[in-house]
Amino acid sequence: MSLAQPSQPLSGKVALVTGAARGQGRSHAVALARAGAEVVAIDLCEDIAACPYPLSRPDDLAETVRQVEALDRRCVSIVADCRSSRAVDAAVGGEEL
C-alpha cells in the first residue's frame, strides 16, 4: 500500500537534480518537490571555458533551495562538477574532494 497521495506521487522519494542552480535544472527541482520529492540539488556554480556565457553562482543554487523549501520539502545543495563521476560520487557519498 502506497502512502503517496495522488497530488504528491513522489512523497517519500529523493530526487537528484544536476544543473539545479537555475533554468531547467531549477524548474525540475521545483516540479519534483511540488510532486512530493525531497531534492538533492547539484551544480558547478562557476564558469567553464567551453561555455561562452556566464554560468550559475552559489546564490543561484541558494535560490533553488529557497524555492524547494518554500514547498515544505527538504533540499540539500551540493557544489560539484557533474561532468566528473568521481565528483558526483563524492558529493552524494558526503566525501570531500
PDB file of N, CA and C in Angstrom:
ATOM      1  N   MET A   1       0.838  -1.181   0.000  1.00  0.00           N
ATOM      2  CA  MET A   1       0.000   0.000   0.000  1.00  0.00           C
ATOM      3  C   MET A   1       0.880   1.240   0.000  1.00  0.00           C
ATOM      4  N   SER A   2       0.666   2.119  -0.922  1.00  0.00           N
ATOM      5  CA  SER A   2       1.463   3.338  -1.029  1.00  0.00           C
ATOM      6  C   SER A   2       0.890   4.434  -0.147  1.00  0.00           C
ATOM      7  N   LEU A   3       1.766   5.155   0.531  1.00  0.00           N
ATOM      8  CA  LEU A   3       1.344   6.287   1.348  1.00  0.00           C
ATOM      9  C   LEU A   3       1.281   7.573   0.536  1.00  0.00           C
ATOM     10  N   ALA A   4       1.786   7.541  -0.680  1.00  0.00           N
ATOM     11  CA  ALA A   4       1.787   8.735  -1.530  1.00  0.00           C
ATOM     12  C   ALA A   4       0.356   9.078  -1.931  1.00  0.00           C
ATOM     13  N   GLN A   5       0.028  10.345  -1.814  1.00  0.00           N
ATOM     14  CA  GLN A   5      -1.272  10.824  -2.246  1.00  0.00           C
ATOM     15  C   GLN A   5      -1.192  11.173  -3.719  1.00  0.00           C
ATOM     16  N   PRO A   6      -2.310  11.113  -4.443  1.00  0.00           N
ATOM     17  CA  PRO A   6      -2.275  11.420  -5.878  1.00  0.00           C
ATOM     18  C   PRO A   6      -1.650  12.780  -6.196  1.00  0.00           C
ATOM     19  N   SER A   7      -1.849  13.766  -5.324  1.00  0.00           N
ATOM     20  CA  SER A   7      -1.290  15.086  -5.593  1.00  0.00           C
ATOM     21  C   SER A   7       0.213  15.133  -5.323  1.00  0.00           C
ATOM     22  N   GLN A   8       0.738  14.144  -4.616  1.00  0.00           N
ATOM     23  CA  GLN A   8       2.163  14.069  -4.315  1.00  0.00           C
ATOM     24  C   GLN A   8       2.670  12.647  -4.555  1.00  0.00           C
ATOM     25  N   PRO A   9       2.712  12.239  -5.818  1.00  0.00           N
ATOM     26  CA  PRO A   9       3.095  10.861  -6.127  1.00  0.00           C
ATOM     27  C   PRO A   9       4.542  10.521  -5.781  1.00  0.00           C
ATOM     28  N   LEU A  10       5.383  11.531  -5.535  1.00  0.00           N
ATOM     29  CA  LEU A  10       6.789  11.262  -5.213  1.00  0.00           C
ATOM     30  C   LEU A  10       7.076  11.397  -3.721  1.00  0.00           C
ATOM     31  N   SER A  11       6.041  11.473  -2.921  1.00  0.00           N
ATOM     32  CA  SER A  11       6.212  11.552  -1.470  1.00  0.00           C
ATOM     33  C   SER A  11       7.039  10.363  -0.995  1.00  0.00           C
ATOM     34  N   GLY A  12       8.048  10.632  -0.167  1.00  0.00           N
ATOM     35  CA  GLY A  12       8.921   9.576   0.337  1.00  0.00           C
ATOM     36  C   GLY A  12      10.088   9.254  -0.575  1.00  0.00           C
ATOM     37  N   LYS A  13      10.195   9.944  -1.690  1.00  0.00           N
ATOM     38  CA  LYS A  13      11.282   9.725  -2.654  1.00  0.00           C
ATOM     39  C   LYS A  13      12.280  10.881  -2.579  1.00  0.00           C
ATOM     40  N   VAL A  14      13.488  10.625  -3.069  1.00  0.00           N
ATOM     41  CA  VAL A  14      14.521  11.662  -3.162  1.00  0.00           C
ATOM     42  C   VAL A  14      14.917  11.798  -4.626  1.00  0.00           C
ATOM     43  N   ALA A  15      14.929  13.029  -5.105  1.00  0.00           N
ATOM     44  CA  ALA A  15      15.316  13.302  -6.489  1.00  0.00           C
ATOM     45  C   ALA A  15      16.686  13.969  -6.510  1.00  0.00           C
ATOM     46  N   LEU A  16      17.553  13.499  -7.388  1.00  0.00           N
ATOM     47  CA  LEU A  16      18.869  14.092  -7.601  1.00  0.00           C
ATOM     48  C   LEU A  16      18.789  14.907  -8.888  1.00  0.00           C
ATOM     49  N   VAL A  17      19.040  16.221  -8.778  1.00  0.00           N
ATOM     50  CA  VAL A  17      18.938  17.109  -9.935  1.00  0.00           C
ATOM     51  C   VAL A  17      20.286  17.773 -10.163  1.00  0.00           C
ATOM     52  N   THR A  18      20.860  17.573 -11.356  1.00  0.00           N
ATOM     53  CA  THR A  18      22.099  18.262 -11.711  1.00  0.00           C
ATOM     54  C   THR A  18      21.751  19.526 -12.480  1.00  0.00           C
ATOM     55  N   GLY A  19      22.646  20.510 -12.425  1.00  0.00           N
ATOM     56  CA  GLY A  19      22.378  21.791 -13.072  1.00  0.00           C
ATOM     57  C   GLY A  19      21.217  22.502 -12.399  1.00  0.00           C
ATOM     58  N   ALA A  20      21.088  22.310 -11.096  1.00  0.00           N
ATOM     59  CA  ALA A  20      19.901  22.736 -10.356  1.00  0.00           C
ATOM     60  C   ALA A  20      19.872  24.212  -9.975  1.00  0.00           C
ATOM     61  N   ALA A  21      20.941  24.948 -10.239  1.00  0.00           N
ATOM     62  CA  ALA A  21      21.005  26.325  -9.752  1.00  0.00           C
ATOM     63  C   ALA A  21      20.088  27.291 -10.485  1.00  0.00           C
ATOM     64  N   ARG A  22      19.752  26.975 -11.716  1.00  0.00           N
ATOM     65  CA  ARG A  22      18.853  27.869 -12.452  1.00  0.00           C
ATOM     66  C   ARG A  22      18.323  27.161 -13.696  1.00  0.00           C
ATOM     67  N   GLY A  23      17.493  27.840 -14.456  1.00  0.00           N
ATOM     68  CA  GLY A  23      16.983  27.310 -15.714  1.00  0.00           C
ATOM     69  C   GLY A  23      16.205  26.023 -15.551  1.00  0.00           C
ATOM     70  N   GLN A  24      16.434  25.095 -16.488  1.00  0.00           N
ATOM     71  CA  GLN A  24      15.703  23.830 -16.474  1.00  0.00           C
ATOM     72  C   GLN A  24      15.964  23.025 -15.210  1.00  0.00           C
ATOM     73  N   GLY A  25      17.197  23.048 -14.726  1.00  0.00           N
ATOM     74  CA  GLY A  25      17.513  22.306 -13.502  1.00  0.00           C
ATOM     75  C   GLY A  25      16.682  22.787 -12.326  1.00  0.00           C
ATOM     76  N   ARG A  26      16.610  24.110 -12.140  1.00  0.00           N
ATOM     77  CA  ARG A  26      15.783  24.650 -11.058  1.00  0.00           C
ATOM     78  C   ARG A  26      14.318  24.283 -11.278  1.00  0.00           C
ATOM     79  N   SER A  27      13.860  24.422 -12.518  1.00  0.00           N
ATOM     80  CA  SER A  27      12.476  24.103 -12.830  1.00  0.00           C
ATOM     81  C   SER A  27      12.147  22.661 -12.477  1.00  0.00           C
ATOM     82  N   HIS A  28      13.047  21.750 -12.801  1.00  0.00           N
ATOM     83  CA  HIS A  28      12.832  20.334 -12.484  1.00  0.00           C
ATOM     84  C   HIS A  28      12.858  20.102 -10.972  1.00  0.00           C
ATOM     85  N   ALA A  29      13.792  20.733 -10.277  1.00  0.00           N
ATOM     86  CA  ALA A  29      13.880  20.574  -8.823  1.00  0.00           C
ATOM     87  C   ALA A  29      12.580  21.018  -8.155  1.00  0.00           C
ATOM     88  N   VAL A  30      12.057  22.157  -8.579  1.00  0.00           N
ATOM     89  CA  VAL A  30      10.822  22.678  -8.001  1.00  0.00           C
ATOM     90  C   VAL A  30       9.632  21.785  -8.362  1.00  0.00           C
ATOM     91  N   ALA A  31       9.571  21.333  -9.595  1.00  0.00           N
ATOM     92  CA  ALA A  31       8.467  20.453 -10.012  1.00  0.00           C
ATOM     93  C   ALA A  31       8.499  19.133  -9.238  1.00  0.00           C
ATOM     94  N   LEU A  32       9.686  18.579  -9.053  1.00  0.00           N
ATOM     95  CA  LEU A  32       9.807  17.331  -8.290  1.00  0.00           C
ATOM     96  C   LEU A  32       9.406  17.542  -6.833  1.00  0.00           C
ATOM     97  N   ALA A  33       9.787  18.683  -6.268  1.00  0.00           N
ATOM     98  CA  ALA A  33       9.385  18.998  -4.895  1.00  0.00           C
ATOM     99  C   ALA A  33       7.873  19.168  -4.810  1.00  0.00           C
ATOM    100  N   ARG A  34       7.297  19.826  -5.786  1.00  0.00           N
ATOM    101  CA  ARG A  34       5.844  20.008  -5.821  1.00  0.00           C
ATOM    102  C   ARG A  34       5.130  18.647  -5.871  1.00  0.00           C
ATOM    103  N   ALA A  35       5.774  17.674  -6.500  1.00  0.00           N
ATOM    104  CA  ALA A  35       5.211  16.318  -6.583  1.00  0.00           C
ATOM    105  C   ALA A  35       5.502  15.494  -5.328  1.00  0.00           C
ATOM    106  N   GLY A  36       6.189  16.107  -4.350  1.00  0.00           N
ATOM    107  CA  GLY A  36       6.403  15.448  -3.066  1.00  0.00           C
ATOM    108  C   GLY A  36       7.803  14.973  -2.771  1.00  0.00           C
ATOM    109  N   ALA A  37       8.720  15.061  -3.720  1.00  0.00           N
ATOM    110  CA  ALA A  37      10.080  14.559  -3.512  1.00  0.00           C
ATOM    111  C   ALA A  37      10.921  15.516  -2.671  1.00  0.00           C
ATOM    112  N   GLU A  38      11.842  14.943  -1.917  1.00  0.00           N
ATOM    113  CA  GLU A  38      12.919  15.716  -1.308  1.00  0.00           C
ATOM    114  C   GLU A  38      13.955  15.858  -2.424  1.00  0.00           C
ATOM    115  N   VAL A  39      14.793  16.900  -2.377  1.00  0.00           N
ATOM    116  CA  VAL A  39      15.677  17.187  -3.511  1.00  0.00           C
ATOM    117  C   VAL A  39      17.133  17.308  -3.082  1.00  0.00           C
ATOM    118  N   VAL A  40      18.003  16.682  -3.857  1.00  0.00           N
ATOM    119  CA  VAL A  40      19.444  16.915  -3.776  1.00  0.00           C
ATOM    120  C   VAL A  40      19.787  17.695  -5.034  1.00  0.00           C
ATOM    121  N   ALA A  41      20.210  18.945  -4.854  1.00  0.00           N
ATOM    122  CA  ALA A  41      20.465  19.859  -5.966  1.00  0.00           C
ATOM    123  C   ALA A  41      21.973  20.031  -6.153  1.00  0.00           C
ATOM    124  N   ILE A  42      22.466  19.638  -7.313  1.00  0.00           N
ATOM    125  CA  ILE A  42      23.899  19.720  -7.609  1.00  0.00           C
ATOM    126  C   ILE A  42      24.124  20.711  -8.747  1.00  0.00           C
ATOM    127  N   ASP A  43      25.147  21.548  -8.591  1.00  0.00           N
ATOM    128  CA  ASP A  43      25.534  22.464  -9.662  1.00  0.00           C
ATOM    129  C   ASP A  43      26.996  22.844  -9.480  1.00  0.00           C
ATOM    130  N   LEU A  44      27.656  23.145 -10.567  1.00  0.00           N
ATOM    131  CA  LEU A  44      29.061  23.547 -10.530  1.00  0.00           C
ATOM    132  C   LEU A  44      29.236  24.945  -9.945  1.00  0.00           C
ATOM    133  N   CYS A  45      28.320  25.842 -10.256  1.00  0.00           N
ATOM    134  CA  CYS A  45      28.334  27.216  -9.730  1.00  0.00           C
ATOM    135  C   CYS A  45      29.611  27.979 -10.071  1.00  0.00           C
ATOM    136  N   GLU A  46      30.097  27.779 -11.275  1.00  0.00           N
ATOM    137  CA  GLU A  46      31.233  28.560 -11.781  1.00  0.00           C
ATOM    138  C   GLU A  46      31.270  28.439 -13.299  1.00  0.00           C
ATOM    139  N   ASP A  47      31.974  29.346 -13.919  1.00  0.00           N
ATOM    140  CA  ASP A  47      32.085  29.323 -15.374  1.00  0.00           C
ATOM    141  C   ASP A  47      33.048  28.226 -15.823  1.00  0.00           C
ATOM    142  N   ILE A  48      32.850  27.775 -17.067  1.00  0.00           N
ATOM    143  CA  ILE A  48      33.780  26.831 -17.677  1.00  0.00           C
ATOM    144  C   ILE A  48      34.184  27.387 -19.044  1.00  0.00           C
ATOM    145  N   ALA A  49      35.373  27.067 -19.485  1.00  0.00           N
ATOM    146  CA  ALA A  49      35.909  27.616 -20.735  1.00  0.00           C
ATOM    147  C   ALA A  49      35.069  27.246 -21.955  1.00  0.00           C
ATOM    148  N   ALA A  50      34.446  26.088 -21.939  1.00  0.00           N
ATOM    149  CA  ALA A  50      33.689  25.615 -23.095  1.00  0.00           C
ATOM    150  C   ALA A  50      32.362  26.348 -23.297  1.00  0.00           C
ATOM    151  N   CYS A  51      31.970  27.138 -22.327  1.00  0.00           N
ATOM    152  CA  CYS A  51      30.677  27.821 -22.404  1.00  0.00           C
ATOM    153  C   CYS A  51      30.905  29.329 -22.556  1.00  0.00           C
ATOM    154  N   PRO A  52      30.361  29.945 -23.609  1.00  0.00           N
ATOM    155  CA  PRO A  52      30.639  31.353 -23.879  1.00  0.00           C
ATOM    156  C   PRO A  52      29.834  32.355 -23.053  1.00  0.00           C
ATOM    157  N   TYR A  53      28.953  31.886 -22.194  1.00  0.00           N
ATOM    158  CA  TYR A  53      28.148  32.802 -21.380  1.00  0.00           C
ATOM    159  C   TYR A  53      28.320  32.448 -19.902  1.00  0.00           C
ATOM    160  N   PRO A  54      28.015  33.386 -19.010  1.00  0.00           N
ATOM    161  CA  PRO A  54      28.197  33.131 -17.578  1.00  0.00           C
ATOM    162  C   PRO A  54      27.261  32.029 -17.076  1.00  0.00           C
ATOM    163  N   LEU A  55      27.807  31.157 -16.258  1.00  0.00           N
ATOM    164  CA  LEU A  55      27.017  30.082 -15.668  1.00  0.00           C
ATOM    165  C   LEU A  55      26.546  30.491 -14.273  1.00  0.00           C
ATOM    166  N   SER A  56      25.953  29.565 -13.567  1.00  0.00           N
ATOM    167  CA  SER A  56      25.351  29.867 -12.273  1.00  0.00           C
ATOM    168  C   SER A  56      26.398  30.192 -11.215  1.00  0.00           C
ATOM    169  N   ARG A  57      25.897  30.737 -10.121  1.00  0.00           N
ATOM    170  CA  ARG A  57      26.709  31.100  -8.971  1.00  0.00           C
ATOM    171  C   ARG A  57      26.082  30.482  -7.724  1.00  0.00           C
ATOM    172  N   PRO A  58      26.808  30.462  -6.616  1.00  0.00           N
ATOM    173  CA  PRO A  58      26.252  29.892  -5.382  1.00  0.00           C
ATOM    174  C   PRO A  58      24.919  30.522  -4.952  1.00  0.00           C
ATOM    175  N   ASP A  59      24.739  31.820  -5.184  1.00  0.00           N
ATOM    176  CA  ASP A  59      23.467  32.435  -4.795  1.00  0.00           C
ATOM    177  C   ASP A  59      22.309  31.926  -5.652  1.00  0.00           C
ATOM    178  N   ASP A  60      22.593  31.499  -6.887  1.00  0.00           N
ATOM    179  CA  ASP A  60      21.557  30.882  -7.717  1.00  0.00           C
ATOM    180  C   ASP A  60      21.122  29.542  -7.116  1.00  0.00           C
ATOM    181  N   LEU A  61      22.095  28.768  -6.667  1.00  0.00           N
ATOM    182  CA  LEU A  61      21.785  27.478  -6.045  1.00  0.00           C
ATOM    183  C   LEU A  61      21.011  27.687  -4.746  1.00  0.00           C
ATOM    184  N   ALA A  62      21.377  28.709  -4.001  1.00  0.00           N
ATOM    185  CA  ALA A  62      20.649  29.028  -2.767  1.00  0.00           C
ATOM    186  C   ALA A  62      19.193  29.397  -3.066  1.00  0.00           C
ATOM    187  N   GLU A  63      18.947  30.050  -4.186  1.00  0.00           N
ATOM    188  CA  GLU A  63      17.576  30.393  -4.570  1.00  0.00           C
ATOM    189  C   GLU A  63      16.781  29.135  -4.906  1.00  0.00           C
ATOM    190  N   THR A  64      17.411  28.167  -5.538  1.00  0.00           N
ATOM    191  CA  THR A  64      16.726  26.892  -5.797  1.00  0.00           C
ATOM    192  C   THR A  64      16.332  26.240  -4.479  1.00  0.00           C
ATOM    193  N   VAL A  65      17.247  26.224  -3.541  1.00  0.00           N
ATOM    194  CA  VAL A  65      16.953  25.657  -2.216  1.00  0.00           C
ATOM    195  C   VAL A  65      15.773  26.394  -1.589  1.00  0.00           C
ATOM    196  N   ARG A  66      15.780  27.712  -1.659  1.00  0.00           N
ATOM    197  CA  ARG A  66      14.703  28.510  -1.079  1.00  0.00           C
ATOM    198  C   ARG A  66      13.356  28.133  -1.700  1.00  0.00           C
ATOM    199  N   GLN A  67      13.332  27.996  -3.029  1.00  0.00           N
ATOM    200  CA  GLN A  67      12.078  27.670  -3.708  1.00  0.00           C
ATOM    201  C   GLN A  67      11.578  26.268  -3.355  1.00  0.00           C
ATOM    202  N   VAL A  68      12.486  25.314  -3.247  1.00  0.00           N
ATOM    203  CA  VAL A  68      12.091  23.953  -2.869  1.00  0.00           C
ATOM    204  C   VAL A  68      11.590  23.936  -1.428  1.00  0.00           C
ATOM    205  N   GLU A  69      12.308  24.591  -0.539  1.00  0.00           N
ATOM    206  CA  GLU A  69      11.913  24.613   0.869  1.00  0.00           C
ATOM    207  C   GLU A  69      10.602  25.367   1.079  1.00  0.00           C
ATOM    208  N   ALA A  70      10.291  26.319   0.209  1.00  0.00           N
ATOM    209  CA  ALA A  70       9.011  27.032   0.287  1.00  0.00           C
ATOM    210  C   ALA A  70       7.836  26.090   0.032  1.00  0.00           C
ATOM    211  N   LEU A  71       8.119  24.961  -0.597  1.00  0.00           N
ATOM    212  CA  LEU A  71       7.095  23.944  -0.846  1.00  0.00           C
ATOM    213  C   LEU A  71       7.049  22.907   0.280  1.00  0.00           C
ATOM    214  N   ASP A  72       7.746  23.209   1.378  1.00  0.00           N
ATOM    215  CA  ASP A  72       7.802  22.340   2.547  1.00  0.00           C
ATOM    216  C   ASP A  72       8.480  21.006   2.243  1.00  0.00           C
ATOM    217  N   ARG A  73       9.492  21.047   1.381  1.00  0.00           N
ATOM    218  CA  ARG A  73      10.319  19.892   1.043  1.00  0.00           C
ATOM    219  C   ARG A  73      11.741  20.192   1.472  1.00  0.00           C
ATOM    220  N   ARG A  74      12.489  19.167   1.813  1.00  0.00           N
ATOM    221  CA  ARG A  74      13.908  19.347   2.135  1.00  0.00           C
ATOM    222  C   ARG A  74      14.705  19.442   0.849  1.00  0.00           C
ATOM    223  N   CYS A  75      15.779  20.224   0.912  1.00  0.00           N
ATOM    224  CA  CYS A  75      16.658  20.368  -0.249  1.00  0.00           C
ATOM    225  C   CYS A  75      18.096  20.483   0.236  1.00  0.00           C
ATOM    226  N   VAL A  76      18.930  19.583  -0.224  1.00  0.00           N
ATOM    227  CA  VAL A  76      20.364  19.623   0.075  1.00  0.00           C
ATOM    228  C   VAL A  76      21.060  20.120  -1.180  1.00  0.00           C
ATOM    229  N   SER A  77      21.850  21.174  -1.036  1.00  0.00           N
ATOM    230  CA  SER A  77      22.581  21.685  -2.201  1.00  0.00           C
ATOM    231  C   SER A  77      24.044  21.288  -2.103  1.00  0.00           C
ATOM    232  N   ILE A  78      24.599  20.926  -3.253  1.00  0.00           N
ATOM    233  CA  ILE A  78      25.989  20.487  -3.326  1.00  0.00           C
ATOM    234  C   ILE A  78      26.636  21.139  -4.539  1.00  0.00           C
ATOM    235  N   VAL A  79      27.775  21.781  -4.311  1.00  0.00           N
ATOM    236  CA  VAL A  79      28.540  22.332  -5.425  1.00  0.00           C
ATOM    237  C   VAL A  79      29.491  21.240  -5.889  1.00  0.00           C
ATOM    238  N   ALA A  80      29.254  20.758  -7.113  1.00  0.00           N
ATOM    239  CA  ALA A  80      30.073  19.687  -7.683  1.00  0.00           C
ATOM    240  C   ALA A  80      29.958  19.728  -9.200  1.00  0.00           C
ATOM    241  N   ASP A  81      30.982  19.213  -9.865  1.00  0.00           N
ATOM    242  CA  ASP A  81      31.022  19.164 -11.321  1.00  0.00           C
ATOM    243  C   ASP A  81      30.435  17.839 -11.791  1.00  0.00           C
ATOM    244  N   CYS A  82      29.219  17.872 -12.327  1.00  0.00           N
ATOM    245  CA  CYS A  82      28.553  16.627 -12.710  1.00  0.00           C
ATOM    246  C   CYS A  82      29.176  15.987 -13.950  1.00  0.00           C
ATOM    247  N   ARG A  83      30.158  16.644 -14.574  1.00  0.00           N
ATOM    248  CA  ARG A  83      30.878  16.015 -15.684  1.00  0.00           C
ATOM    249  C   ARG A  83      31.863  14.979 -15.171  1.00  0.00           C
ATOM    250  N   SER A  84      32.099  14.977 -13.863  1.00  0.00           N
ATOM    251  CA  SER A  84      33.038  14.043 -13.242  1.00  0.00           C
ATOM    252  C   SER A  84      32.269  13.052 -12.372  1.00  0.00           C
ATOM    253  N   SER A  85      32.287  11.777 -12.748  1.00  0.00           N
ATOM    254  CA  SER A  85      31.588  10.779 -11.934  1.00  0.00           C
ATOM    255  C   SER A  85      32.208  10.706 -10.536  1.00  0.00           C
ATOM    256  N   ARG A  86      33.493  10.934 -10.439  1.00  0.00           N
ATOM    257  CA  ARG A  86      34.166  10.938  -9.135  1.00  0.00           C
ATOM    258  C   ARG A  86      33.614  12.050  -8.249  1.00  0.00           C
ATOM    259  N   ALA A  87      33.421  13.225  -8.828  1.00  0.00           N
ATOM    260  CA  ALA A  87      32.889  14.357  -8.064  1.00  0.00           C
ATOM    261  C   ALA A  87      31.459  14.100  -7.612  1.00  0.00           C
ATOM    262  N   VAL A  88      30.645  13.528  -8.481  1.00  0.00           N
ATOM    263  CA  VAL A  88      29.253  13.228  -8.124  1.00  0.00           C
ATOM    264  C   VAL A  88      29.212  12.128  -7.067  1.00  0.00           C
ATOM    265  N   ASP A  89      30.014  11.089  -7.233  1.00  0.00           N
ATOM    266  CA  ASP A  89      30.072  10.022  -6.223  1.00  0.00           C
ATOM    267  C   ASP A  89      30.473  10.592  -4.872  1.00  0.00           C
ATOM    268  N   ALA A  90      31.470  11.468  -4.857  1.00  0.00           N
ATOM    269  CA  ALA A  90      31.929  12.074  -3.605  1.00  0.00           C
ATOM    270  C   ALA A  90      30.835  12.960  -3.011  1.00  0.00           C
ATOM    271  N   ALA A  91      30.171  13.727  -3.845  1.00  0.00           N
ATOM    272  CA  ALA A  91      29.113  14.627  -3.369  1.00  0.00           C
ATOM    273  C   ALA A  91      27.958  13.835  -2.760  1.00  0.00           C
ATOM    274  N   VAL A  92      27.518  12.819  -3.448  1.00  0.00           N
ATOM    275  CA  VAL A  92      26.384  12.023  -2.984  1.00  0.00           C
ATOM    276  C   VAL A  92      26.787  11.201  -1.757  1.00  0.00           C
ATOM    277  N   GLY A  93      28.030  10.769  -1.723  1.00  0.00           N
ATOM    278  CA  GLY A  93      28.515   9.990  -0.589  1.00  0.00           C
ATOM    279  C   GLY A  93      28.946  10.839   0.587  1.00  0.00           C
ATOM    280  N   GLY A  94      28.900  12.171   0.420  1.00  0.00           N
ATOM    281  CA  GLY A  94      29.276  13.070   1.504  1.00  0.00           C
ATOM    282  C   GLY A  94      30.773  13.224   1.694  1.00  0.00           C
ATOM    283  N   GLU A  95      31.563  12.789   0.721  1.00  0.00           N
ATOM    284  CA  GLU A  95      33.021  12.891   0.829  1.00  0.00           C
ATOM    285  C   GLU A  95      33.508  14.257   0.346  1.00  0.00           C
ATOM    286  N   GLU A  96      34.644  14.660   0.853  1.00  0.00           N
ATOM    287  CA  GLU A  96      35.290  15.887   0.374  1.00  0.00           C
ATOM    288  C   GLU A  96      36.292  15.511  -0.700  1.00  0.00           C
ATOM    289  N   LEU A  97      36.377  16.325  -1.734  1.00  0.00           N
ATOM    290  CA  LEU A  97      37.384  16.082  -2.781  1.00  0.00           C
ATOM    291  C   LEU A  97      38.671  16.785  -2.452  1.00  0.00           C
TER     292      LEU A  97
END
